[in-house]
Amino acid sequence: MNRQQEQLRQMTSDMQELTRRLLDLSNVYKSLEPLLLRLDSLLSGR
């Protein structure tokens, strides 16, 4: 049982870290989105 509890703690910790990374990536995308839209517009010749 101790081993299972430790595995669960590790999985929970890993999930929290992955969630933080995903939120960071989401924030980066939100920051870049206006620039990406402008670049797409420029490259499309609009």
PDB file of N, CA and C in Angstrom:
ATOM      1  N   MET A   1       0.824  -1.199   0.000  1.00  0.00           N
ATOM      2  CA  MET A   1       0.000   0.000   0.000  1.00  0.00           C
ATOM      3  C   MET A   1       0.869   1.263   0.000  1.00  0.00           C
ATOM      4  N   ASN A   2       1.943   1.263   0.741  1.00  0.00           N
ATOM      5  CA  ASN A   2       2.844   2.405   0.763  1.00  0.00           C
ATOM      6  C   ASN A   2       3.371   2.723  -0.624  1.00  0.00           C
ATOM      7  N   ARG A   3       3.714   1.676  -1.348  1.00  0.00           N
ATOM      8  CA  ARG A   3       4.233   1.859  -2.711  1.00  0.00           C
ATOM      9  C   ARG A   3       3.172   2.503  -3.610  1.00  0.00           C
ATOM     10  N   GLN A   4       1.939   2.059  -3.473  1.00  0.00           N
ATOM     11  CA  GLN A   4       0.860   2.630  -4.276  1.00  0.00           C
ATOM     12  C   GLN A   4       0.629   4.094  -3.917  1.00  0.00           C
ATOM     13  N   GLN A   5       0.719   4.414  -2.646  1.00  0.00           N
ATOM     14  CA  GLN A   5       0.542   5.806  -2.230  1.00  0.00           C
ATOM     15  C   GLN A   5       1.653   6.678  -2.805  1.00  0.00           C
ATOM     16  N   GLU A   6       2.869   6.171  -2.792  1.00  0.00           N
ATOM     17  CA  GLU A   6       3.994   6.931  -3.352  1.00  0.00           C
ATOM     18  C   GLU A   6       3.831   7.104  -4.861  1.00  0.00           C
ATOM     19  N   GLN A   7       3.371   6.064  -5.538  1.00  0.00           N
ATOM     20  CA  GLN A   7       3.134   6.167  -6.976  1.00  0.00           C
ATOM     21  C   GLN A   7       2.044   7.199  -7.266  1.00  0.00           C
ATOM     22  N   LEU A   8       1.009   7.186  -6.453  1.00  0.00           N
ATOM     23  CA  LEU A   8      -0.079   8.155  -6.628  1.00  0.00           C
ATOM     24  C   LEU A   8       0.422   9.579  -6.390  1.00  0.00           C
ATOM     25  N   ARG A   9       1.235   9.769  -5.358  1.00  0.00           N
ATOM     26  CA  ARG A   9       1.818  11.095  -5.108  1.00  0.00           C
ATOM     27  C   ARG A   9       2.664  11.548  -6.288  1.00  0.00           C
ATOM     28  N   GLN A  10       3.464  10.635  -6.821  1.00  0.00           N
ATOM     29  CA  GLN A  10       4.321  10.985  -7.956  1.00  0.00           C
ATOM     30  C   GLN A  10       3.484  11.327  -9.187  1.00  0.00           C
ATOM     31  N   MET A  11       2.454  10.539  -9.435  1.00  0.00           N
ATOM     32  CA  MET A  11       1.576  10.818 -10.580  1.00  0.00           C
ATOM     33  C   MET A  11       0.885  12.163 -10.421  1.00  0.00           C
ATOM     34  N   THR A  12       0.449  12.467  -9.219  1.00  0.00           N
ATOM     35  CA  THR A  12      -0.202  13.750  -8.950  1.00  0.00           C
ATOM     36  C   THR A  12       0.768  14.906  -9.178  1.00  0.00           C
ATOM     37  N   SER A  13       1.976  14.731  -8.706  1.00  0.00           N
ATOM     38  CA  SER A  13       3.006  15.753  -8.901  1.00  0.00           C
ATOM     39  C   SER A  13       3.305  15.937 -10.390  1.00  0.00           C
ATOM     40  N   ASP A  14       3.424  14.839 -11.112  1.00  0.00           N
ATOM     41  CA  ASP A  14       3.676  14.904 -12.560  1.00  0.00           C
ATOM     42  C   ASP A  14       2.541  15.614 -13.285  1.00  0.00           C
ATOM     43  N   MET A  15       1.309  15.307 -12.888  1.00  0.00           N
ATOM     44  CA  MET A  15       0.160  15.950 -13.531  1.00  0.00           C
ATOM     45  C   MET A  15       0.142  17.453 -13.250  1.00  0.00           C
ATOM     46  N   GLN A  16       0.501  17.844 -12.037  1.00  0.00           N
ATOM     47  CA  GLN A  16       0.544  19.265 -11.710  1.00  0.00           C
ATOM     48  C   GLN A  16       1.604  19.973 -12.549  1.00  0.00           C
ATOM     49  N   GLU A  17       2.751  19.341 -12.713  1.00  0.00           N
ATOM     50  CA  GLU A  17       3.817  19.929 -13.532  1.00  0.00           C
ATOM     51  C   GLU A  17       3.396  20.039 -14.991  1.00  0.00           C
ATOM     52  N   LEU A  18       2.772  19.001 -15.513  1.00  0.00           N
ATOM     53  CA  LEU A  18       2.305  19.038 -16.897  1.00  0.00           C
ATOM     54  C   LEU A  18       1.224  20.101 -17.094  1.00  0.00           C
ATOM     55  N   THR A  19       0.369  20.262 -16.095  1.00  0.00           N
ATOM     56  CA  THR A  19      -0.667  21.293 -16.168  1.00  0.00           C
ATOM     57  C   THR A  19      -0.032  22.681 -16.197  1.00  0.00           C
ATOM     58  N   ARG A  20       0.990  22.894 -15.363  1.00  0.00           N
ATOM     59  CA  ARG A  20       1.698  24.184 -15.375  1.00  0.00           C
ATOM     60  C   ARG A  20       2.339  24.436 -16.739  1.00  0.00           C
ATOM     61  N   ARG A  21       2.956  23.422 -17.300  1.00  0.00           N
ATOM     62  CA  ARG A  21       3.594  23.591 -18.620  1.00  0.00           C
ATOM     63  C   ARG A  21       2.570  23.902 -19.695  1.00  0.00           C
ATOM     64  N   LEU A  22       1.440  23.217 -19.649  1.00  0.00           N
ATOM     65  CA  LEU A  22       0.390  23.465 -20.631  1.00  0.00           C
ATOM     66  C   LEU A  22      -0.153  24.885 -20.511  1.00  0.00           C
ATOM     67  N   LEU A  23      -0.333  25.346 -19.290  1.00  0.00           N
ATOM     68  CA  LEU A  23      -0.796  26.727 -19.084  1.00  0.00           C
ATOM     69  C   LEU A  23       0.238  27.732 -19.597  1.00  0.00           C
ATOM     70  N   ASP A  24       1.513  27.438 -19.361  1.00  0.00           N
ATOM     71  CA  ASP A  24       2.573  28.310 -19.881  1.00  0.00           C
ATOM     72  C   ASP A  24       2.532  28.368 -21.404  1.00  0.00           C
ATOM     73  N   LEU A  25       2.386  27.207 -22.033  1.00  0.00           N
ATOM     74  CA  LEU A  25       2.322  27.166 -23.500  1.00  0.00           C
ATOM     75  C   LEU A  25       1.090  27.900 -24.025  1.00  0.00           C
ATOM     76  N   SER A  26      -0.001  27.752 -23.319  1.00  0.00           N
ATOM     77  CA  SER A  26      -1.224  28.450 -23.709  1.00  0.00           C
ATOM     78  C   SER A  26      -1.031  29.958 -23.633  1.00  0.00           C
ATOM     79  N   ASN A  27      -0.381  30.413 -22.587  1.00  0.00           N
ATOM     80  CA  ASN A  27      -0.118  31.850 -22.438  1.00  0.00           C
ATOM     81  C   ASN A  27       0.824  32.359 -23.518  1.00  0.00           C
ATOM     82  N   VAL A  28       1.815  31.563 -23.883  1.00  0.00           N
ATOM     83  CA  VAL A  28       2.723  31.947 -24.965  1.00  0.00           C
ATOM     84  C   VAL A  28       1.944  32.082 -26.266  1.00  0.00           C
ATOM     85  N   TYR A  29       1.089  31.112 -26.544  1.00  0.00           N
ATOM     86  CA  TYR A  29       0.292  31.172 -27.764  1.00  0.00           C
ATOM     87  C   TYR A  29      -0.602  32.410 -27.778  1.00  0.00           C
ATOM     88  N   LYS A  30      -1.245  32.688 -26.645  1.00  0.00           N
ATOM     89  CA  LYS A  30      -2.117  33.866 -26.569  1.00  0.00           C
ATOM     90  C   LYS A  30      -1.320  35.141 -26.826  1.00  0.00           C
ATOM     91  N   SER A  31      -0.083  35.184 -26.349  1.00  0.00           N
ATOM     92  CA  SER A  31       0.765  36.352 -26.571  1.00  0.00           C
ATOM     93  C   SER A  31       1.163  36.482 -28.036  1.00  0.00           C
ATOM     94  N   LEU A  32       1.402  35.347 -28.675  1.00  0.00           N
ATOM     95  CA  LEU A  32       1.872  35.367 -30.060  1.00  0.00           C
ATOM     96  C   LEU A  32       0.739  35.433 -31.084  1.00  0.00           C
ATOM     97  N   GLU A  33      -0.456  35.085 -30.690  1.00  0.00           N
ATOM     98  CA  GLU A  33      -1.561  35.000 -31.644  1.00  0.00           C
ATOM     99  C   GLU A  33      -1.749  36.265 -32.481  1.00  0.00           C
ATOM    100  N   PRO A  34      -1.758  37.474 -31.890  1.00  0.00           N
ATOM    101  CA  PRO A  34      -1.921  38.673 -32.732  1.00  0.00           C
ATOM    102  C   PRO A  34      -0.791  38.804 -33.772  1.00  0.00           C
ATOM    103  N   LEU A  35       0.432  38.488 -33.357  1.00  0.00           N
ATOM    104  CA  LEU A  35       1.540  38.561 -34.305  1.00  0.00           C
ATOM    105  C   LEU A  35       1.418  37.509 -35.401  1.00  0.00           C
ATOM    106  N   LEU A  36       0.979  36.320 -35.027  1.00  0.00           N
ATOM    107  CA  LEU A  36       0.807  35.264 -36.021  1.00  0.00           C
ATOM    108  C   LEU A  36      -0.287  35.620 -37.015  1.00  0.00           C
ATOM    109  N   LEU A  37      -1.355  36.225 -36.532  1.00  0.00           N
ATOM    110  CA  LEU A  37      -2.432  36.645 -37.435  1.00  0.00           C
ATOM    111  C   LEU A  37      -1.952  37.739 -38.388  1.00  0.00           C
ATOM    112  N   ARG A  38      -1.172  38.663 -37.861  1.00  0.00           N
ATOM    113  CA  ARG A  38      -0.632  39.738 -38.715  1.00  0.00           C
ATOM    114  C   ARG A  38       0.327  39.172 -39.752  1.00  0.00           C
ATOM    115  N   LEU A  39       1.185  38.277 -39.330  1.00  0.00           N
ATOM    116  CA  LEU A  39       2.131  37.650 -40.260  1.00  0.00           C
ATOM    117  C   LEU A  39       1.387  36.886 -41.338  1.00  0.00           C
ATOM    118  N   ASP A  40       0.361  36.155 -40.954  1.00  0.00           N
ATOM    119  CA  ASP A  40      -0.433  35.420 -41.929  1.00  0.00           C
ATOM    120  C   ASP A  40      -1.075  36.381 -42.927  1.00  0.00           C
ATOM    121  N   SER A  41      -1.565  37.499 -42.420  1.00  0.00           N
ATOM    122  CA  SER A  41      -2.169  38.508 -43.290  1.00  0.00           C
ATOM    123  C   SER A  41      -1.138  39.079 -44.260  1.00  0.00           C
ATOM    124  N   LEU A  42       0.050  39.383 -43.767  1.00  0.00           N
ATOM    125  CA  LEU A  42       1.101  39.929 -44.634  1.00  0.00           C
ATOM    126  C   LEU A  42       1.539  38.917 -45.702  1.00  0.00           C
ATOM    127  N   LEU A  43       1.663  37.672 -45.300  1.00  0.00           N
ATOM    128  CA  LEU A  43       2.096  36.642 -46.233  1.00  0.00           C
ATOM    129  C   LEU A  43       1.005  36.306 -47.260  1.00  0.00           C
ATOM    130  N   SER A  44      -0.240  36.553 -46.895  1.00  0.00           N
ATOM    131  CA  SER A  44      -1.340  36.294 -47.810  1.00  0.00           C
ATOM    132  C   SER A  44      -1.525  37.432 -48.809  1.00  0.00           C
ATOM    133  N   GLY A  45      -0.798  38.510 -48.596  1.00  0.00           N
ATOM    134  CA  GLY A  45      -0.873  39.658 -49.506  1.00  0.00           C
ATOM    135  C   GLY A  45      -2.086  40.527 -49.297  1.00  0.00           C
ATOM    136  N   ARG A  46      -2.623  40.517 -48.109  1.00  0.00           N
ATOM    137  CA  ARG A  46      -3.818  41.360 -47.846  1.00  0.00           C
ATOM    138  C   ARG A  46      -3.413  42.772 -47.515  1.00  0.00           C
TER     139      ARG A  46
END
